[in-house]
Amino acid sequence: MTNFDRKVEEASARVNKGVAHVAERLEKETAEFVHYLNNEVVPAVRSHSTKALRTAAEKLARMADYIEQAKAQAEEKDKKQP
């Protein structure tokens, strides 16, 4: 084996070791990120989503009341006019 071949093999081994280390760390970080999403982000989104839906429902109910009142006032006004 020539000196060049040995150096290529050594460099290849270093690159493979580095890639394996990066892949291992990436797998660990990805698992931690998924765990964080499932345990922290998803419950918070669900909580805020239900709060937003309740707020929207309340405002829609108020809007419906306003429309009904405006309609009743218009009908009353039409009855009073000859």
N, C-alpha and C. Protein backbone atom coordinates (compact mmCIF):
# COMPACT_ATOMS: atom_id res chain seq x y z
N MET A 1 0.85 -1.17 0.00
CA MET A 1 0.00 0.00 0.00
C MET A 1 0.90 1.24 0.00
N THR A 2 0.56 2.15 -0.87
CA THR A 2 1.36 3.36 -0.98
C THR A 2 0.98 4.34 0.12
N ASN A 3 1.83 5.30 0.30
CA ASN A 3 1.60 6.34 1.30
C ASN A 3 0.32 7.12 0.98
N PHE A 4 0.11 7.36 -0.31
CA PHE A 4 -1.09 8.08 -0.73
C PHE A 4 -2.35 7.30 -0.38
N ASP A 5 -2.34 6.01 -0.65
CA ASP A 5 -3.51 5.18 -0.34
C ASP A 5 -3.81 5.18 1.16
N ARG A 6 -2.76 5.10 1.96
CA ARG A 6 -2.93 5.10 3.41
C ARG A 6 -3.53 6.42 3.88
N LYS A 7 -3.06 7.53 3.32
CA LYS A 7 -3.59 8.84 3.70
C LYS A 7 -5.05 8.98 3.29
N VAL A 8 -5.39 8.45 2.11
CA VAL A 8 -6.79 8.50 1.65
C VAL A 8 -7.67 7.69 2.59
N GLU A 9 -7.20 6.51 2.98
CA GLU A 9 -7.97 5.67 3.90
C GLU A 9 -8.15 6.33 5.26
N GLU A 10 -7.08 6.97 5.75
CA GLU A 10 -7.16 7.66 7.03
C GLU A 10 -8.16 8.83 6.95
N ALA A 11 -8.08 9.60 5.87
CA ALA A 11 -9.00 10.72 5.69
C ALA A 11 -10.44 10.22 5.58
N SER A 12 -10.62 9.13 4.86
CA SER A 12 -11.95 8.55 4.71
C SER A 12 -12.49 8.06 6.05
N ALA A 13 -11.62 7.47 6.86
CA ALA A 13 -12.03 7.00 8.18
C ALA A 13 -12.43 8.18 9.07
N ARG A 14 -11.66 9.27 9.00
CA ARG A 14 -12.00 10.46 9.79
C ARG A 14 -13.33 11.05 9.36
N VAL A 15 -13.55 11.12 8.05
CA VAL A 15 -14.82 11.65 7.54
C VAL A 15 -15.98 10.77 7.97
N ASN A 16 -15.81 9.45 7.85
CA ASN A 16 -16.86 8.52 8.26
C ASN A 16 -17.18 8.65 9.74
N LYS A 17 -16.12 8.80 10.55
CA LYS A 17 -16.32 8.96 12.00
C LYS A 17 -17.07 10.26 12.28
N GLY A 18 -16.68 11.33 11.60
CA GLY A 18 -17.36 12.62 11.78
C GLY A 18 -18.82 12.57 11.35
N VAL A 19 -19.08 11.92 10.23
CA VAL A 19 -20.46 11.80 9.74
C VAL A 19 -21.28 10.96 10.72
N ALA A 20 -20.71 9.90 11.23
CA ALA A 20 -21.42 9.05 12.20
C ALA A 20 -21.74 9.83 13.46
N HIS A 21 -20.79 10.65 13.92
CA HIS A 21 -21.02 11.48 15.11
C HIS A 21 -22.13 12.50 14.86
N VAL A 22 -22.10 13.14 13.73
CA VAL A 22 -23.14 14.12 13.39
C VAL A 22 -24.50 13.44 13.28
N ALA A 23 -24.56 12.29 12.65
CA ALA A 23 -25.82 11.57 12.51
C ALA A 23 -26.38 11.16 13.87
N GLU A 24 -25.49 10.69 14.74
CA GLU A 24 -25.92 10.29 16.09
C GLU A 24 -26.47 11.49 16.86
N ARG A 25 -25.77 12.60 16.78
CA ARG A 25 -26.21 13.81 17.48
C ARG A 25 -27.51 14.33 16.89
N LEU A 26 -27.64 14.27 15.59
CA LEU A 26 -28.86 14.72 14.92
C LEU A 26 -30.05 13.87 15.34
N GLU A 27 -29.86 12.58 15.44
CA GLU A 27 -30.94 11.70 15.89
C GLU A 27 -31.36 12.04 17.32
N LYS A 28 -30.38 12.29 18.18
CA LYS A 28 -30.68 12.64 19.58
C LYS A 28 -31.42 13.98 19.65
N GLU A 29 -30.93 14.97 18.94
CA GLU A 29 -31.56 16.29 18.95
C GLU A 29 -32.97 16.23 18.38
N THR A 30 -33.15 15.46 17.32
CA THR A 30 -34.48 15.32 16.71
C THR A 30 -35.45 14.68 17.68
N ALA A 31 -35.01 13.65 18.38
CA ALA A 31 -35.88 12.99 19.37
C ALA A 31 -36.25 13.96 20.49
N GLU A 32 -35.30 14.76 20.95
CA GLU A 32 -35.59 15.75 21.99
C GLU A 32 -36.55 16.82 21.48
N PHE A 33 -36.38 17.23 20.24
CA PHE A 33 -37.26 18.24 19.64
C PHE A 33 -38.69 17.72 19.52
N VAL A 34 -38.84 16.49 19.06
CA VAL A 34 -40.17 15.88 18.94
C VAL A 34 -40.82 15.76 20.32
N HIS A 35 -40.03 15.35 21.31
CA HIS A 35 -40.52 15.25 22.68
C HIS A 35 -41.00 16.62 23.17
N TYR A 36 -40.22 17.66 22.92
CA TYR A 36 -40.60 19.02 23.31
C TYR A 36 -41.89 19.45 22.61
N LEU A 37 -41.99 19.20 21.32
CA LEU A 37 -43.22 19.55 20.60
C LEU A 37 -44.43 18.86 21.19
N ASN A 38 -44.31 17.57 21.43
CA ASN A 38 -45.44 16.80 21.94
C ASN A 38 -45.83 17.20 23.36
N ASN A 39 -44.86 17.51 24.20
CA ASN A 39 -45.15 17.78 25.60
C ASN A 39 -45.37 19.24 25.94
N GLU A 40 -44.87 20.15 25.13
CA GLU A 40 -44.99 21.57 25.44
C GLU A 40 -45.82 22.34 24.42
N VAL A 41 -45.48 22.21 23.17
CA VAL A 41 -46.11 23.03 22.14
C VAL A 41 -47.54 22.59 21.85
N VAL A 42 -47.74 21.30 21.64
CA VAL A 42 -49.08 20.81 21.28
C VAL A 42 -50.11 21.15 22.37
N PRO A 43 -49.84 20.88 23.65
CA PRO A 43 -50.83 21.26 24.67
C PRO A 43 -51.10 22.77 24.71
N ALA A 44 -50.07 23.57 24.53
CA ALA A 44 -50.26 25.02 24.54
C ALA A 44 -51.12 25.46 23.37
N VAL A 45 -50.88 24.90 22.20
CA VAL A 45 -51.67 25.25 21.02
C VAL A 45 -53.13 24.84 21.23
N ARG A 46 -53.33 23.66 21.78
CA ARG A 46 -54.70 23.21 22.04
C ARG A 46 -55.39 24.14 23.03
N SER A 47 -54.69 24.53 24.07
CA SER A 47 -55.27 25.42 25.08
C SER A 47 -55.62 26.77 24.47
N HIS A 48 -54.70 27.33 23.72
CA HIS A 48 -54.96 28.64 23.11
C HIS A 48 -56.03 28.55 22.03
N SER A 49 -56.07 27.44 21.33
CA SER A 49 -57.09 27.26 20.28
C SER A 49 -58.48 27.23 20.88
N THR A 50 -58.65 26.50 21.98
CA THR A 50 -59.98 26.43 22.59
C THR A 50 -60.36 27.78 23.16
N LYS A 51 -59.40 28.50 23.71
CA LYS A 51 -59.69 29.84 24.23
C LYS A 51 -60.11 30.76 23.08
N ALA A 52 -59.42 30.69 21.97
CA ALA A 52 -59.76 31.52 20.81
C ALA A 52 -61.15 31.16 20.28
N LEU A 53 -61.48 29.88 20.24
CA LEU A 53 -62.80 29.47 19.78
C LEU A 53 -63.90 29.98 20.71
N ARG A 54 -63.65 29.92 22.02
CA ARG A 54 -64.64 30.42 22.97
C ARG A 54 -64.83 31.93 22.82
N THR A 55 -63.74 32.64 22.63
CA THR A 55 -63.83 34.09 22.43
C THR A 55 -64.59 34.41 21.15
N ALA A 56 -64.29 33.70 20.07
CA ALA A 56 -64.98 33.91 18.81
C ALA A 56 -66.47 33.60 18.95
N ALA A 57 -66.80 32.52 19.65
CA ALA A 57 -68.21 32.17 19.85
C ALA A 57 -68.94 33.25 20.63
N GLU A 58 -68.29 33.79 21.64
CA GLU A 58 -68.90 34.87 22.44
C GLU A 58 -69.15 36.10 21.58
N LYS A 59 -68.18 36.47 20.77
CA LYS A 59 -68.33 37.66 19.92
C LYS A 59 -69.40 37.43 18.85
N LEU A 60 -69.47 36.22 18.31
CA LEU A 60 -70.51 35.92 17.32
C LEU A 60 -71.89 35.98 17.96
N ALA A 61 -72.00 35.52 19.20
CA ALA A 61 -73.29 35.59 19.91
C ALA A 61 -73.69 37.05 20.11
N ARG A 62 -72.73 37.89 20.49
CA ARG A 62 -73.03 39.33 20.65
C ARG A 62 -73.44 39.95 19.33
N MET A 63 -72.78 39.55 18.25
CA MET A 63 -73.13 40.08 16.93
C MET A 63 -74.54 39.65 16.54
N ALA A 64 -74.89 38.41 16.80
CA ALA A 64 -76.24 37.93 16.50
C ALA A 64 -77.27 38.71 17.30
N ASP A 65 -76.99 38.97 18.57
CA ASP A 65 -77.89 39.79 19.40
C ASP A 65 -78.06 41.19 18.80
N TYR A 66 -76.96 41.78 18.38
CA TYR A 66 -77.01 43.13 17.79
C TYR A 66 -77.85 43.13 16.52
N ILE A 67 -77.66 42.12 15.68
CA ILE A 67 -78.44 42.05 14.43
C ILE A 67 -79.92 41.88 14.73
N GLU A 68 -80.23 41.03 15.71
CA GLU A 68 -81.64 40.84 16.08
C GLU A 68 -82.25 42.13 16.63
N GLN A 69 -81.50 42.85 17.45
CA GLN A 69 -81.99 44.12 17.99
C GLN A 69 -82.20 45.14 16.88
N ALA A 70 -81.26 45.22 15.96
CA ALA A 70 -81.38 46.17 14.85
C ALA A 70 -82.58 45.82 13.99
N LYS A 71 -82.80 44.53 13.77
CA LYS A 71 -83.94 44.09 12.98
C LYS A 71 -85.25 44.44 13.69
N ALA A 72 -85.31 44.20 14.99
CA ALA A 72 -86.51 44.52 15.77
C ALA A 72 -86.77 46.01 15.76
N GLN A 73 -85.74 46.82 15.89
CA GLN A 73 -85.90 48.28 15.87
C GLN A 73 -86.40 48.74 14.50
N ALA A 74 -85.89 48.15 13.44
CA ALA A 74 -86.32 48.53 12.10
C ALA A 74 -87.78 48.14 11.89
N GLU A 75 -88.16 46.96 12.36
CA GLU A 75 -89.55 46.55 12.24
C GLU A 75 -90.47 47.45 13.03
N GLU A 76 -90.06 47.83 14.22
CA GLU A 76 -90.85 48.75 15.07
C GLU A 76 -90.99 50.11 14.40
N LYS A 77 -89.90 50.56 13.80
CA LYS A 77 -89.92 51.84 13.10
C LYS A 77 -90.86 51.78 11.90
N ASP A 78 -90.85 50.66 11.16
CA ASP A 78 -91.74 50.50 10.00
C ASP A 78 -93.21 50.48 10.43
N LYS A 79 -93.50 49.91 11.60
CA LYS A 79 -94.89 49.85 12.09
C LYS A 79 -95.40 51.23 12.44
N LYS A 80 -94.54 52.11 12.93
CA LYS A 80 -94.95 53.45 13.35
C LYS A 80 -95.16 54.39 12.17
N GLN A 81 -94.53 54.12 11.05
CA GLN A 81 -94.67 54.99 9.88
C GLN A 81 -95.95 54.65 9.14
N PRO A 82 -96.69 55.70 8.66
CA PRO A 82 -97.96 55.44 7.95
C PRO A 82 -97.79 54.84 6.59
